[in-house]
Amino acid sequence: MSLTLSKDELAQLTGYEQPSKQLAELHRRGFARAYIGRHGLVLERAHYEAVCRGETERKKPTVRPLVRATA
């Protein structure tokens, strides 16, 4: 078993063949560590399994105050 999900596994999981659509679907489902690398979409098997077991939490967005540039 490889360290990352295969192209076939990603297509089956997301229902898409196109990496950008796969990435959007994975992020929507909580796979925050998925990314597009030099050779296509990457999703580490350990992260996939952890999310499936419910062991990861989605991070809440950080709200930062507006910083105005001084002239």
N, C-alpha and C. Protein backbone atom coordinates (compact mmCIF):
# COMPACT_ATOMS: atom_id res chain seq x y z
N MET A 1 0.85 -1.18 0.00
CA MET A 1 0.00 0.00 0.00
C MET A 1 0.89 1.25 0.00
N SER A 2 0.58 2.20 -0.86
CA SER A 2 1.42 3.39 -1.00
C SER A 2 1.09 4.43 0.06
N LEU A 3 1.97 5.41 0.20
CA LEU A 3 1.78 6.48 1.18
C LEU A 3 0.72 7.48 0.76
N THR A 4 0.40 7.51 -0.54
CA THR A 4 -0.62 8.43 -1.05
C THR A 4 -1.69 7.66 -1.80
N LEU A 5 -2.87 8.24 -1.91
CA LEU A 5 -3.93 7.61 -2.67
C LEU A 5 -3.60 7.68 -4.16
N SER A 6 -3.96 6.65 -4.89
CA SER A 6 -3.69 6.61 -6.33
C SER A 6 -4.68 7.49 -7.09
N LYS A 7 -4.40 7.72 -8.37
CA LYS A 7 -5.31 8.50 -9.21
C LYS A 7 -6.68 7.84 -9.27
N ASP A 8 -6.70 6.52 -9.37
CA ASP A 8 -7.98 5.80 -9.41
C ASP A 8 -8.74 5.94 -8.10
N GLU A 9 -8.04 5.85 -6.99
CA GLU A 9 -8.69 5.99 -5.68
C GLU A 9 -9.26 7.40 -5.51
N LEU A 10 -8.51 8.41 -5.96
CA LEU A 10 -8.98 9.80 -5.86
C LEU A 10 -10.21 10.03 -6.73
N ALA A 11 -10.21 9.46 -7.92
CA ALA A 11 -11.36 9.60 -8.82
C ALA A 11 -12.59 8.92 -8.22
N GLN A 12 -12.39 7.75 -7.65
CA GLN A 12 -13.50 7.03 -7.04
C GLN A 12 -14.02 7.77 -5.81
N LEU A 13 -13.12 8.31 -5.02
CA LEU A 13 -13.50 9.03 -3.80
C LEU A 13 -14.26 10.32 -4.10
N THR A 14 -13.81 11.06 -5.10
CA THR A 14 -14.38 12.38 -5.37
C THR A 14 -15.46 12.38 -6.45
N GLY A 15 -15.40 11.41 -7.35
CA GLY A 15 -16.32 11.41 -8.48
C GLY A 15 -15.85 12.27 -9.63
N TYR A 16 -14.63 12.77 -9.55
CA TYR A 16 -14.06 13.64 -10.58
C TYR A 16 -12.73 13.08 -11.06
N GLU A 17 -12.38 13.41 -12.30
CA GLU A 17 -11.08 13.06 -12.89
C GLU A 17 -10.12 14.24 -12.86
N GLN A 18 -10.66 15.46 -12.95
CA GLN A 18 -9.85 16.67 -13.03
C GLN A 18 -9.32 17.02 -11.63
N PRO A 19 -7.99 17.18 -11.50
CA PRO A 19 -7.40 17.45 -10.19
C PRO A 19 -7.98 18.66 -9.45
N SER A 20 -8.27 19.74 -10.15
CA SER A 20 -8.79 20.92 -9.45
C SER A 20 -10.18 20.66 -8.87
N LYS A 21 -11.00 19.90 -9.58
CA LYS A 21 -12.32 19.55 -9.05
C LYS A 21 -12.20 18.54 -7.91
N GLN A 22 -11.25 17.62 -8.04
CA GLN A 22 -11.00 16.67 -6.97
C GLN A 22 -10.57 17.41 -5.70
N LEU A 23 -9.66 18.36 -5.85
CA LEU A 23 -9.16 19.11 -4.71
C LEU A 23 -10.28 19.87 -4.02
N ALA A 24 -11.12 20.54 -4.79
CA ALA A 24 -12.24 21.27 -4.21
C ALA A 24 -13.17 20.33 -3.43
N GLU A 25 -13.44 19.17 -3.98
CA GLU A 25 -14.31 18.21 -3.31
C GLU A 25 -13.66 17.66 -2.04
N LEU A 26 -12.38 17.38 -2.09
CA LEU A 26 -11.69 16.88 -0.91
C LEU A 26 -11.66 17.93 0.20
N HIS A 27 -11.38 19.16 -0.15
CA HIS A 27 -11.39 20.23 0.85
C HIS A 27 -12.79 20.41 1.44
N ARG A 28 -13.82 20.29 0.61
CA ARG A 28 -15.19 20.41 1.09
C ARG A 28 -15.50 19.32 2.10
N ARG A 29 -14.91 18.15 1.91
CA ARG A 29 -15.15 17.01 2.80
C ARG A 29 -14.24 16.98 4.01
N GLY A 30 -13.34 17.97 4.14
CA GLY A 30 -12.50 18.05 5.33
C GLY A 30 -11.09 17.51 5.19
N PHE A 31 -10.67 17.17 3.97
CA PHE A 31 -9.30 16.71 3.75
C PHE A 31 -8.41 17.92 3.47
N ALA A 32 -8.10 18.65 4.52
CA ALA A 32 -7.40 19.93 4.40
C ALA A 32 -5.97 19.81 3.89
N ARG A 33 -5.35 18.65 4.05
CA ARG A 33 -3.95 18.50 3.64
C ARG A 33 -3.79 18.04 2.20
N ALA A 34 -4.87 17.90 1.45
CA ALA A 34 -4.78 17.55 0.04
C ALA A 34 -4.25 18.76 -0.74
N TYR A 35 -3.43 18.51 -1.75
CA TYR A 35 -2.88 19.60 -2.56
C TYR A 35 -2.52 19.09 -3.95
N ILE A 36 -2.32 20.02 -4.85
CA ILE A 36 -1.89 19.66 -6.21
C ILE A 36 -0.38 19.87 -6.27
N GLY A 37 0.33 18.78 -6.55
CA GLY A 37 1.78 18.81 -6.63
C GLY A 37 2.25 18.77 -8.08
N ARG A 38 3.52 18.52 -8.27
CA ARG A 38 4.10 18.48 -9.62
C ARG A 38 3.51 17.39 -10.49
N HIS A 39 3.08 16.29 -9.86
CA HIS A 39 2.59 15.15 -10.63
C HIS A 39 1.11 14.90 -10.43
N GLY A 40 0.39 15.92 -9.98
CA GLY A 40 -1.05 15.78 -9.81
C GLY A 40 -1.47 15.93 -8.36
N LEU A 41 -2.67 15.52 -8.09
CA LEU A 41 -3.26 15.67 -6.76
C LEU A 41 -2.60 14.71 -5.78
N VAL A 42 -2.35 15.21 -4.56
CA VAL A 42 -1.71 14.41 -3.52
C VAL A 42 -2.61 14.40 -2.29
N LEU A 43 -2.92 13.21 -1.81
CA LEU A 43 -3.62 13.04 -0.54
C LEU A 43 -2.94 11.89 0.18
N GLU A 44 -2.30 12.23 1.31
CA GLU A 44 -1.59 11.20 2.08
C GLU A 44 -2.59 10.22 2.66
N ARG A 45 -2.27 8.95 2.57
CA ARG A 45 -3.16 7.90 3.07
C ARG A 45 -3.41 8.05 4.57
N ALA A 46 -2.39 8.43 5.33
CA ALA A 46 -2.55 8.59 6.78
C ALA A 46 -3.57 9.68 7.09
N HIS A 47 -3.53 10.79 6.34
CA HIS A 47 -4.49 11.88 6.55
C HIS A 47 -5.89 11.42 6.14
N TYR A 48 -5.98 10.73 5.03
CA TYR A 48 -7.27 10.19 4.57
C TYR A 48 -7.89 9.31 5.65
N GLU A 49 -7.10 8.40 6.19
CA GLU A 49 -7.61 7.47 7.20
C GLU A 49 -7.99 8.21 8.49
N ALA A 50 -7.19 9.21 8.88
CA ALA A 50 -7.49 9.97 10.10
C ALA A 50 -8.81 10.74 9.96
N VAL A 51 -9.03 11.36 8.81
CA VAL A 51 -10.27 12.08 8.58
C VAL A 51 -11.45 11.11 8.57
N CYS A 52 -11.27 9.97 7.95
CA CYS A 52 -12.35 8.97 7.90
C CYS A 52 -12.69 8.45 9.29
N ARG A 53 -11.70 8.39 10.18
CA ARG A 53 -11.94 7.95 11.55
C ARG A 53 -12.48 9.08 12.42
N GLY A 54 -12.49 10.31 11.89
CA GLY A 54 -12.98 11.45 12.65
C GLY A 54 -11.96 11.99 13.62
N GLU A 55 -10.70 11.74 13.38
CA GLU A 55 -9.64 12.16 14.30
C GLU A 55 -9.10 13.55 14.03
N THR A 56 -9.51 14.20 12.97
CA THR A 56 -9.04 15.56 12.69
C THR A 56 -10.20 16.52 12.80
N GLU A 57 -9.87 17.74 13.13
CA GLU A 57 -10.90 18.77 13.23
C GLU A 57 -10.61 19.84 12.19
N ARG A 58 -11.67 20.41 11.67
CA ARG A 58 -11.49 21.53 10.76
C ARG A 58 -11.08 22.74 11.57
N LYS A 59 -10.10 23.45 11.08
CA LYS A 59 -9.67 24.66 11.77
C LYS A 59 -10.63 25.79 11.48
N LYS A 60 -10.91 26.55 12.51
CA LYS A 60 -11.76 27.72 12.32
C LYS A 60 -10.92 28.81 11.65
N PRO A 61 -11.52 29.58 10.76
CA PRO A 61 -10.75 30.64 10.11
C PRO A 61 -10.30 31.69 11.12
N THR A 62 -9.12 32.19 10.92
CA THR A 62 -8.59 33.24 11.78
C THR A 62 -9.00 34.59 11.22
N VAL A 63 -9.64 35.38 12.05
CA VAL A 63 -10.04 36.71 11.64
C VAL A 63 -9.00 37.68 12.15
N ARG A 64 -8.39 38.38 11.24
CA ARG A 64 -7.35 39.34 11.61
C ARG A 64 -7.85 40.75 11.35
N PRO A 65 -7.47 41.69 12.21
CA PRO A 65 -7.91 43.07 12.00
C PRO A 65 -7.27 43.66 10.73
N LEU A 66 -7.99 44.56 10.12
CA LEU A 66 -7.49 45.23 8.93
C LEU A 66 -6.29 46.09 9.29
N VAL A 67 -5.21 45.95 8.57
CA VAL A 67 -4.01 46.75 8.79
C VAL A 67 -3.89 47.69 7.62
N ARG A 68 -3.93 48.95 7.91
CA ARG A 68 -3.82 49.96 6.85
C ARG A 68 -2.36 50.36 6.67
N ALA A 69 -1.96 50.46 5.43
CA ALA A 69 -0.60 50.89 5.12
C ALA A 69 -0.48 52.38 5.39
N THR A 70 0.65 52.77 5.94
CA THR A 70 0.89 54.19 6.19
C THR A 70 1.72 54.75 5.06
N ALA A 71 1.37 55.93 4.67
CA ALA A 71 2.06 56.53 3.54
C ALA A 71 3.19 57.41 3.96
